[in-house]
Amino acid sequence: MRKILLAMVCMIIMLFAAHAPAEDVNQAQSYKPYSWSGFYFGFQGSYQPGTSDWEPDGSPICIKNDTRGGMGGFYIGYLYQTPVKIVVGIEAEANYGRVSGSSACPNPTYSCHTEMSWIGSTRGRFGYALGRFMPYVSIGWAYAGADTYVTYLPTGEDFGSLNSYLGWTPGAGFEFAVTDNFLIRGEYAYYDFGKRKVDIDDVDTNVRLTNHAFKLGLGLKF
């Protein structure tokens, strides 16, 4: 995933370099008003550190797994720019990959694991148009799928369950229109999925998942 993010950064730099001569040649056009209104879609990569806290029923012990990993995915949405340059819109995203972590269980013959395989969200976006540059904030609902399980170390057998999670996500970022249709963005988002009771090796366990996501995206606007 780090290689994907590095490739996206290199692509962004090359696109800036390719765009600069066009602005020199068409200097008059570079000052025309730009509107952020319209539909758009794009692709993104992200690095996601997080935590997975387990609280087994009837036990005072809290098990904490530090998770990390990368995901890639896509987003789609619509923006409307008001006459006072405030930009509002709605966006949906879906990301797939592997964000995982493990730690020792209270019983030393077991290890505790969390693996998130996908994260999505539906959120509102609120920005301010500074020509082709737009800082923004966002907030909305988040969804995820994660496998929480224990491994019996002598045999390597796994015991747990795959579950879906619902939470919320605030975020902030910036977007830049390299051309009238081509967009690049950088964004930070926080995902909080609260607590959900799941069955891990026949033990009811409250699991709380949180993630930080550092994203780079490339998009097209229509």
C-alpha atoms as a PDB file:
ATOM      1  CA  MET A   1       0.000   0.000   0.000  1.00  0.00           C
ATOM      2  CA  ARG A   2       2.898   2.385   0.677  1.00  0.00           C
ATOM      3  CA  LYS A   3       4.098   1.736  -2.890  1.00  0.00           C
ATOM      4  CA  ILE A   4       0.628   2.631  -4.183  1.00  0.00           C
ATOM      5  CA  LEU A   5       0.619   5.903  -2.218  1.00  0.00           C
ATOM      6  CA  LEU A   6       4.138   6.730  -3.474  1.00  0.00           C
ATOM      7  CA  ALA A   7       3.063   6.074  -7.069  1.00  0.00           C
ATOM      8  CA  MET A   8       0.061   8.370  -6.624  1.00  0.00           C
ATOM      9  CA  VAL A   9       2.305  11.152  -5.265  1.00  0.00           C
ATOM     10  CA  CYS A  10       4.658  10.788  -8.259  1.00  0.00           C
ATOM     11  CA  MET A  11       1.669  10.910 -10.619  1.00  0.00           C
ATOM     12  CA  ILE A  12       0.416  14.089  -8.968  1.00  0.00           C
ATOM     13  CA  ILE A  13       3.856  15.765  -9.337  1.00  0.00           C
ATOM     14  CA  MET A  14       4.043  14.820 -13.018  1.00  0.00           C
ATOM     15  CA  LEU A  15       0.547  16.132 -13.643  1.00  0.00           C
ATOM     16  CA  PHE A  16       1.465  19.463 -12.051  1.00  0.00           C
ATOM     17  CA  ALA A  17       4.570  19.655 -14.210  1.00  0.00           C
ATOM     18  CA  ALA A  18       2.606  18.856 -17.354  1.00  0.00           C
ATOM     19  CA  HIS A  19      -0.074  21.397 -16.488  1.00  0.00           C
ATOM     20  CA  ALA A  20       2.247  24.352 -15.832  1.00  0.00           C
ATOM     21  CA  PRO A  21       3.245  25.040 -19.500  1.00  0.00           C
ATOM     22  CA  ALA A  22      -0.411  24.959 -20.549  1.00  0.00           C
ATOM     23  CA  GLU A  23      -1.142  27.721 -18.032  1.00  0.00           C
ATOM     24  CA  ASP A  24       1.701  29.836 -19.455  1.00  0.00           C
ATOM     25  CA  VAL A  25       0.405  29.432 -22.990  1.00  0.00           C
ATOM     26  CA  ASN A  26      -3.226  30.023 -22.035  1.00  0.00           C
ATOM     27  CA  GLN A  27      -2.691  32.642 -19.335  1.00  0.00           C
ATOM     28  CA  ALA A  28      -6.008  34.352 -20.002  1.00  0.00           C
ATOM     29  CA  GLN A  29      -7.927  31.107 -19.572  1.00  0.00           C
ATOM     30  CA  SER A  30      -6.181  30.285 -16.269  1.00  0.00           C
ATOM     31  CA  TYR A  31      -8.021  33.150 -14.560  1.00  0.00           C
ATOM     32  CA  LYS A  32     -11.518  32.154 -15.611  1.00  0.00           C
ATOM     33  CA  PRO A  33     -13.862  31.401 -12.695  1.00  0.00           C
ATOM     34  CA  TYR A  34     -13.934  27.760 -11.690  1.00  0.00           C
ATOM     35  CA  SER A  35     -17.051  26.050 -10.375  1.00  0.00           C
ATOM     36  CA  TRP A  36     -16.954  23.003  -8.115  1.00  0.00           C
ATOM     37  CA  SER A  37     -20.570  22.099  -8.930  1.00  0.00           C
ATOM     38  CA  GLY A  38     -21.117  18.709 -10.523  1.00  0.00           C
ATOM     39  CA  PHE A  39     -20.841  14.963 -10.188  1.00  0.00           C
ATOM     40  CA  TYR A  40     -17.450  13.343  -9.640  1.00  0.00           C
ATOM     41  CA  PHE A  41     -15.799  10.012  -8.935  1.00  0.00           C
ATOM     42  CA  GLY A  42     -12.292   8.905  -8.142  1.00  0.00           C
ATOM     43  CA  PHE A  43      -9.879   6.365  -6.718  1.00  0.00           C
ATOM     44  CA  GLN A  44      -7.895   6.564  -3.509  1.00  0.00           C
ATOM     45  CA  GLY A  45      -5.313   4.822  -1.374  1.00  0.00           C
ATOM     46  CA  SER A  46      -4.936   5.109   2.382  1.00  0.00           C
ATOM     47  CA  TYR A  47      -2.728   4.152   5.298  1.00  0.00           C
ATOM     48  CA  GLN A  48      -4.776   3.273   8.385  1.00  0.00           C
ATOM     49  CA  PRO A  49      -3.458   2.823  11.926  1.00  0.00           C
ATOM     50  CA  GLY A  50      -6.056   2.060  14.588  1.00  0.00           C
ATOM     51  CA  THR A  51      -7.054   0.101  17.681  1.00  0.00           C
ATOM     52  CA  SER A  52      -9.273  -2.860  18.509  1.00  0.00           C
ATOM     53  CA  ASP A  53     -10.332  -3.076  22.166  1.00  0.00           C
ATOM     54  CA  TRP A  54     -11.899  -6.275  23.550  1.00  0.00           C
ATOM     55  CA  GLU A  55     -13.852  -6.496  26.804  1.00  0.00           C
ATOM     56  CA  PRO A  56     -14.986 -10.093  27.510  1.00  0.00           C
ATOM     57  CA  ASP A  57     -18.223 -10.364  29.506  1.00  0.00           C
ATOM     58  CA  GLY A  58     -17.649 -11.160  33.158  1.00  0.00           C
ATOM     59  CA  SER A  59     -13.950 -10.257  33.023  1.00  0.00           C
ATOM     60  CA  PRO A  60     -12.201  -7.064  34.206  1.00  0.00           C
ATOM     61  CA  ILE A  61      -9.505  -7.563  31.564  1.00  0.00           C
ATOM     62  CA  CYS A  62      -9.367  -5.305  28.493  1.00  0.00           C
ATOM     63  CA  ILE A  63      -7.407  -6.649  25.517  1.00  0.00           C
ATOM     64  CA  LYS A  64      -5.994  -4.005  23.168  1.00  0.00           C
ATOM     65  CA  ASN A  65      -4.807  -4.723  19.634  1.00  0.00           C
ATOM     66  CA  ASP A  66      -2.945  -2.001  17.746  1.00  0.00           C
ATOM     67  CA  THR A  67      -3.892  -2.377  14.091  1.00  0.00           C
ATOM     68  CA  ARG A  68      -2.354  -0.993  10.934  1.00  0.00           C
ATOM     69  CA  GLY A  69      -2.431  -1.554   7.214  1.00  0.00           C
ATOM     70  CA  GLY A  70      -3.530  -0.121   3.899  1.00  0.00           C
ATOM     71  CA  MET A  71      -6.650   0.037   1.773  1.00  0.00           C
ATOM     72  CA  GLY A  72      -7.542   1.125  -1.722  1.00  0.00           C
ATOM     73  CA  GLY A  73     -10.935   2.019  -3.114  1.00  0.00           C
ATOM     74  CA  PHE A  74     -13.161   4.507  -4.862  1.00  0.00           C
ATOM     75  CA  TYR A  75     -15.481   7.418  -4.074  1.00  0.00           C
ATOM     76  CA  ILE A  76     -18.402   9.059  -5.857  1.00  0.00           C
ATOM     77  CA  GLY A  77     -20.387  12.168  -5.062  1.00  0.00           C
ATOM     78  CA  TYR A  78     -21.975  15.474  -5.999  1.00  0.00           C
ATOM     79  CA  LEU A  79     -21.016  19.055  -5.072  1.00  0.00           C
ATOM     80  CA  TYR A  80     -22.899  22.342  -5.375  1.00  0.00           C
ATOM     81  CA  GLN A  81     -21.103  25.685  -5.181  1.00  0.00           C
ATOM     82  CA  THR A  82     -23.254  28.509  -3.799  1.00  0.00           C
ATOM     83  CA  PRO A  83     -22.932  32.149  -4.987  1.00  0.00           C
ATOM     84  CA  VAL A  84     -20.951  32.953  -1.793  1.00  0.00           C
ATOM     85  CA  LYS A  85     -18.317  30.280  -2.604  1.00  0.00           C
ATOM     86  CA  ILE A  86     -19.512  27.827   0.051  1.00  0.00           C
ATOM     87  CA  VAL A  87     -19.512  24.303  -1.393  1.00  0.00           C
ATOM     88  CA  VAL A  88     -21.839  21.584  -0.091  1.00  0.00           C
ATOM     89  CA  GLY A  89     -22.276  17.999  -1.212  1.00  0.00           C
ATOM     90  CA  ILE A  90     -22.631  14.325  -0.451  1.00  0.00           C
ATOM     91  CA  GLU A  91     -20.181  11.488  -1.035  1.00  0.00           C
ATOM     92  CA  ALA A  92     -20.007   7.713  -0.691  1.00  0.00           C
ATOM     93  CA  GLU A  93     -16.810   5.676  -0.537  1.00  0.00           C
ATOM     94  CA  ALA A  94     -15.765   2.016  -0.399  1.00  0.00           C
ATOM     95  CA  ASN A  95     -12.289   0.791   0.550  1.00  0.00           C
ATOM     96  CA  TYR A  96     -10.839  -2.714   0.558  1.00  0.00           C
ATOM     97  CA  GLY A  97      -7.602  -4.124   1.944  1.00  0.00           C
ATOM     98  CA  ARG A  98      -6.210  -5.421   5.211  1.00  0.00           C
ATOM     99  CA  VAL A  99      -5.861  -3.518   8.475  1.00  0.00           C
ATOM    100  CA  SER A 100      -4.835  -5.968  11.179  1.00  0.00           C
ATOM    101  CA  GLY A 101      -3.190  -6.418  14.548  1.00  0.00           C
ATOM    102  CA  SER A 102      -2.654  -9.013  17.258  1.00  0.00           C
ATOM    103  CA  SER A 103      -1.632  -9.324  20.891  1.00  0.00           C
ATOM    104  CA  ALA A 104      -1.213 -11.964  23.568  1.00  0.00           C
ATOM    105  CA  CYS A 105      -4.431 -13.178  25.192  1.00  0.00           C
ATOM    106  CA  PRO A 106      -4.774 -13.459  28.996  1.00  0.00           C
ATOM    107  CA  ASN A 107      -4.442 -17.215  28.464  1.00  0.00           C
ATOM    108  CA  PRO A 108      -0.880 -17.522  27.029  1.00  0.00           C
ATOM    109  CA  THR A 109      -1.819 -20.510  24.877  1.00  0.00           C
ATOM    110  CA  TYR A 110      -3.924 -18.161  22.709  1.00  0.00           C
ATOM    111  CA  SER A 111      -3.233 -15.030  20.680  1.00  0.00           C
ATOM    112  CA  CYS A 112      -5.926 -12.401  19.923  1.00  0.00           C
ATOM    113  CA  HIS A 113      -6.386 -11.020  16.393  1.00  0.00           C
ATOM    114  CA  THR A 114      -8.383  -8.371  14.530  1.00  0.00           C
ATOM    115  CA  GLU A 115      -8.518  -8.077  10.715  1.00  0.00           C
ATOM    116  CA  MET A 116     -10.560  -5.386   8.957  1.00  0.00           C
ATOM    117  CA  SER A 117     -11.193  -6.173   5.295  1.00  0.00           C
ATOM    118  CA  TRP A 118     -13.329  -3.218   4.170  1.00  0.00           C
ATOM    119  CA  ILE A 119     -14.493   0.241   5.253  1.00  0.00           C
ATOM    120  CA  GLY A 120     -17.144   2.466   3.682  1.00  0.00           C
ATOM    121  CA  SER A 121     -18.957   5.690   4.474  1.00  0.00           C
ATOM    122  CA  THR A 122     -21.727   8.053   3.388  1.00  0.00           C
ATOM    123  CA  ARG A 123     -21.046  11.634   4.421  1.00  0.00           C
ATOM    124  CA  GLY A 124     -21.746  15.280   3.847  1.00  0.00           C
ATOM    125  CA  ARG A 125     -18.982  17.583   2.605  1.00  0.00           C
ATOM    126  CA  PHE A 126     -18.649  21.302   3.344  1.00  0.00           C
ATOM    127  CA  GLY A 127     -15.947  23.378   1.687  1.00  0.00           C
ATOM    128  CA  TYR A 128     -14.962  26.857   0.610  1.00  0.00           C
ATOM    129  CA  ALA A 129     -13.968  27.591  -2.995  1.00  0.00           C
ATOM    130  CA  LEU A 130     -10.653  29.427  -3.369  1.00  0.00           C
ATOM    131  CA  GLY A 131     -10.545  29.250  -7.125  1.00  0.00           C
ATOM    132  CA  ARG A 132      -9.275  25.801  -8.040  1.00  0.00           C
ATOM    133  CA  PHE A 133      -8.328  25.033  -4.436  1.00  0.00           C
ATOM    134  CA  MET A 134     -10.938  23.897  -1.903  1.00  0.00           C
ATOM    135  CA  PRO A 135     -10.374  23.049   1.781  1.00  0.00           C
ATOM    136  CA  TYR A 136     -13.246  21.056   3.259  1.00  0.00           C
ATOM    137  CA  VAL A 137     -14.576  19.157   6.244  1.00  0.00           C
ATOM    138  CA  SER A 138     -16.871  16.138   6.235  1.00  0.00           C
ATOM    139  CA  ILE A 139     -19.010  14.079   8.585  1.00  0.00           C
ATOM    140  CA  GLY A 140     -21.240  11.042   8.163  1.00  0.00           C
ATOM    141  CA  TRP A 141     -21.954   7.365   8.763  1.00  0.00           C
ATOM    142  CA  ALA A 142     -19.267   4.696   8.493  1.00  0.00           C
ATOM    143  CA  TYR A 143     -19.435   0.929   7.982  1.00  0.00           C
ATOM    144  CA  ALA A 144     -16.822  -1.831   8.219  1.00  0.00           C
ATOM    145  CA  GLY A 145     -16.288  -5.566   8.139  1.00  0.00           C
ATOM    146  CA  ALA A 146     -13.849  -7.144  10.611  1.00  0.00           C
ATOM    147  CA  ASP A 147     -12.833 -10.635  11.702  1.00  0.00           C
ATOM    148  CA  THR A 148     -12.112 -10.936  15.441  1.00  0.00           C
ATOM    149  CA  TYR A 149     -10.700 -14.279  16.543  1.00  0.00           C
ATOM    150  CA  VAL A 150      -8.277 -16.119  18.820  1.00  0.00           C
ATOM    151  CA  THR A 151      -5.637 -18.614  17.686  1.00  0.00           C
ATOM    152  CA  TYR A 152      -4.901 -21.691  19.783  1.00  0.00           C
ATOM    153  CA  LEU A 153      -1.102 -21.666  19.485  1.00  0.00           C
ATOM    154  CA  PRO A 154      -0.355 -25.403  19.950  1.00  0.00           C
ATOM    155  CA  THR A 155      -2.505 -26.342  16.930  1.00  0.00           C
ATOM    156  CA  GLY A 156      -2.902 -23.050  15.014  1.00  0.00           C
ATOM    157  CA  GLU A 157      -6.709 -23.335  15.058  1.00  0.00           C
ATOM    158  CA  ASP A 158      -8.731 -20.104  14.874  1.00  0.00           C
ATOM    159  CA  PHE A 159     -11.964 -19.400  16.773  1.00  0.00           C
ATOM    160  CA  GLY A 160     -13.995 -16.237  16.237  1.00  0.00           C
ATOM    161  CA  SER A 161     -16.454 -14.497  13.971  1.00  0.00           C
ATOM    162  CA  LEU A 162     -16.707 -12.104  11.035  1.00  0.00           C
ATOM    163  CA  ASN A 163     -19.037  -9.166  11.735  1.00  0.00           C
ATOM    164  CA  SER A 164     -20.142  -5.831  10.292  1.00  0.00           C
ATOM    165  CA  TYR A 165     -19.848  -2.588  12.259  1.00  0.00           C
ATOM    166  CA  LEU A 166     -21.662   0.754  12.096  1.00  0.00           C
ATOM    167  CA  GLY A 167     -20.247   4.065  13.322  1.00  0.00           C
ATOM    168  CA  TRP A 168     -19.466   7.625  12.334  1.00  0.00           C
ATOM    169  CA  THR A 169     -16.629   9.462  10.634  1.00  0.00           C
ATOM    170  CA  PRO A 170     -15.469  13.099  10.753  1.00  0.00           C
ATOM    171  CA  GLY A 171     -12.758  14.277   8.388  1.00  0.00           C
ATOM    172  CA  ALA A 172     -10.935  17.203   6.782  1.00  0.00           C
ATOM    173  CA  GLY A 173      -8.918  17.695   3.635  1.00  0.00           C
ATOM    174  CA  PHE A 174      -8.259  19.703   0.524  1.00  0.00           C
ATOM    175  CA  GLU A 175      -8.938  19.267  -3.163  1.00  0.00           C
ATOM    176  CA  PHE A 176      -7.286  20.898  -6.162  1.00  0.00           C
ATOM    177  CA  ALA A 177      -8.569  21.078  -9.739  1.00  0.00           C
ATOM    178  CA  VAL A 178      -5.540  20.485 -11.951  1.00  0.00           C
ATOM    179  CA  THR A 179      -7.787  20.964 -14.994  1.00  0.00           C
ATOM    180  CA  ASP A 180     -11.513  21.645 -15.304  1.00  0.00           C
ATOM    181  CA  ASN A 181     -12.168  17.913 -14.913  1.00  0.00           C
ATOM    182  CA  PHE A 182      -9.140  16.342 -13.221  1.00  0.00           C
ATOM    183  CA  LEU A 183      -8.955  16.580  -9.398  1.00  0.00           C
ATOM    184  CA  ILE A 184      -6.430  15.576  -6.761  1.00  0.00           C
ATOM    185  CA  ARG A 185      -7.048  15.429  -3.003  1.00  0.00           C
ATOM    186  CA  GLY A 186      -5.444  14.769   0.342  1.00  0.00           C
ATOM    187  CA  GLU A 187      -7.593  13.861   3.325  1.00  0.00           C
ATOM    188  CA  TYR A 188      -7.579  12.704   6.925  1.00  0.00           C
ATOM    189  CA  ALA A 189     -10.583  10.811   8.322  1.00  0.00           C
ATOM    190  CA  TYR A 190     -11.318   9.253  11.700  1.00  0.00           C
ATOM    191  CA  TYR A 191     -13.559   6.180  11.887  1.00  0.00           C
ATOM    192  CA  ASP A 192     -15.229   5.280  15.190  1.00  0.00           C
ATOM    193  CA  PHE A 193     -17.358   2.128  15.148  1.00  0.00           C
ATOM    194  CA  GLY A 194     -18.302   2.204  18.822  1.00  0.00           C
ATOM    195  CA  LYS A 195     -18.826  -1.108  20.629  1.00  0.00           C
ATOM    196  CA  ARG A 196     -20.432  -4.258  19.316  1.00  0.00           C
ATOM    197  CA  LYS A 197     -20.971  -7.531  21.188  1.00  0.00           C
ATOM    198  CA  VAL A 198     -19.577 -10.471  19.210  1.00  0.00           C
ATOM    199  CA  ASP A 199     -18.968 -14.163  19.863  1.00  0.00           C
ATOM    200  CA  ILE A 200     -15.264 -15.037  20.153  1.00  0.00           C
ATOM    201  CA  ASP A 201     -14.677 -18.712  20.982  1.00  0.00           C
ATOM    202  CA  ASP A 202     -18.069 -18.938  22.735  1.00  0.00           C
ATOM    203  CA  VAL A 203     -17.336 -15.836  24.842  1.00  0.00           C
ATOM    204  CA  ASP A 204     -19.548 -12.747  24.409  1.00  0.00           C
ATOM    205  CA  THR A 205     -17.093  -9.891  23.924  1.00  0.00           C
ATOM    206  CA  ASN A 206     -17.609  -6.140  23.492  1.00  0.00           C
ATOM    207  CA  VAL A 207     -15.360  -5.029  20.637  1.00  0.00           C
ATOM    208  CA  ARG A 208     -14.629  -1.390  19.824  1.00  0.00           C
ATOM    209  CA  LEU A 209     -12.876  -0.490  16.557  1.00  0.00           C
ATOM    210  CA  THR A 210     -11.316   2.883  15.674  1.00  0.00           C
ATOM    211  CA  ASN A 211      -9.192   3.862  12.670  1.00  0.00           C
ATOM    212  CA  HIS A 212      -7.252   6.879  11.442  1.00  0.00           C
ATOM    213  CA  ALA A 213      -7.059   7.129   7.640  1.00  0.00           C
ATOM    214  CA  PHE A 214      -4.515   9.194   5.694  1.00  0.00           C
ATOM    215  CA  LYS A 215      -5.685   9.300   2.067  1.00  0.00           C
ATOM    216  CA  LEU A 216      -4.567  10.448  -1.370  1.00  0.00           C
ATOM    217  CA  GLY A 217      -7.077  10.490  -4.218  1.00  0.00           C
ATOM    218  CA  LEU A 218      -7.349  11.128  -7.963  1.00  0.00           C
ATOM    219  CA  GLY A 219     -10.746  12.082  -9.395  1.00  0.00           C
ATOM    220  CA  LEU A 220     -12.755  13.233 -12.407  1.00  0.00           C
ATOM    221  CA  LYS A 221     -15.532  15.842 -12.340  1.00  0.00           C
ATOM    222  CA  PHE A 222     -18.332  16.105 -14.907  1.00  0.00           C
END
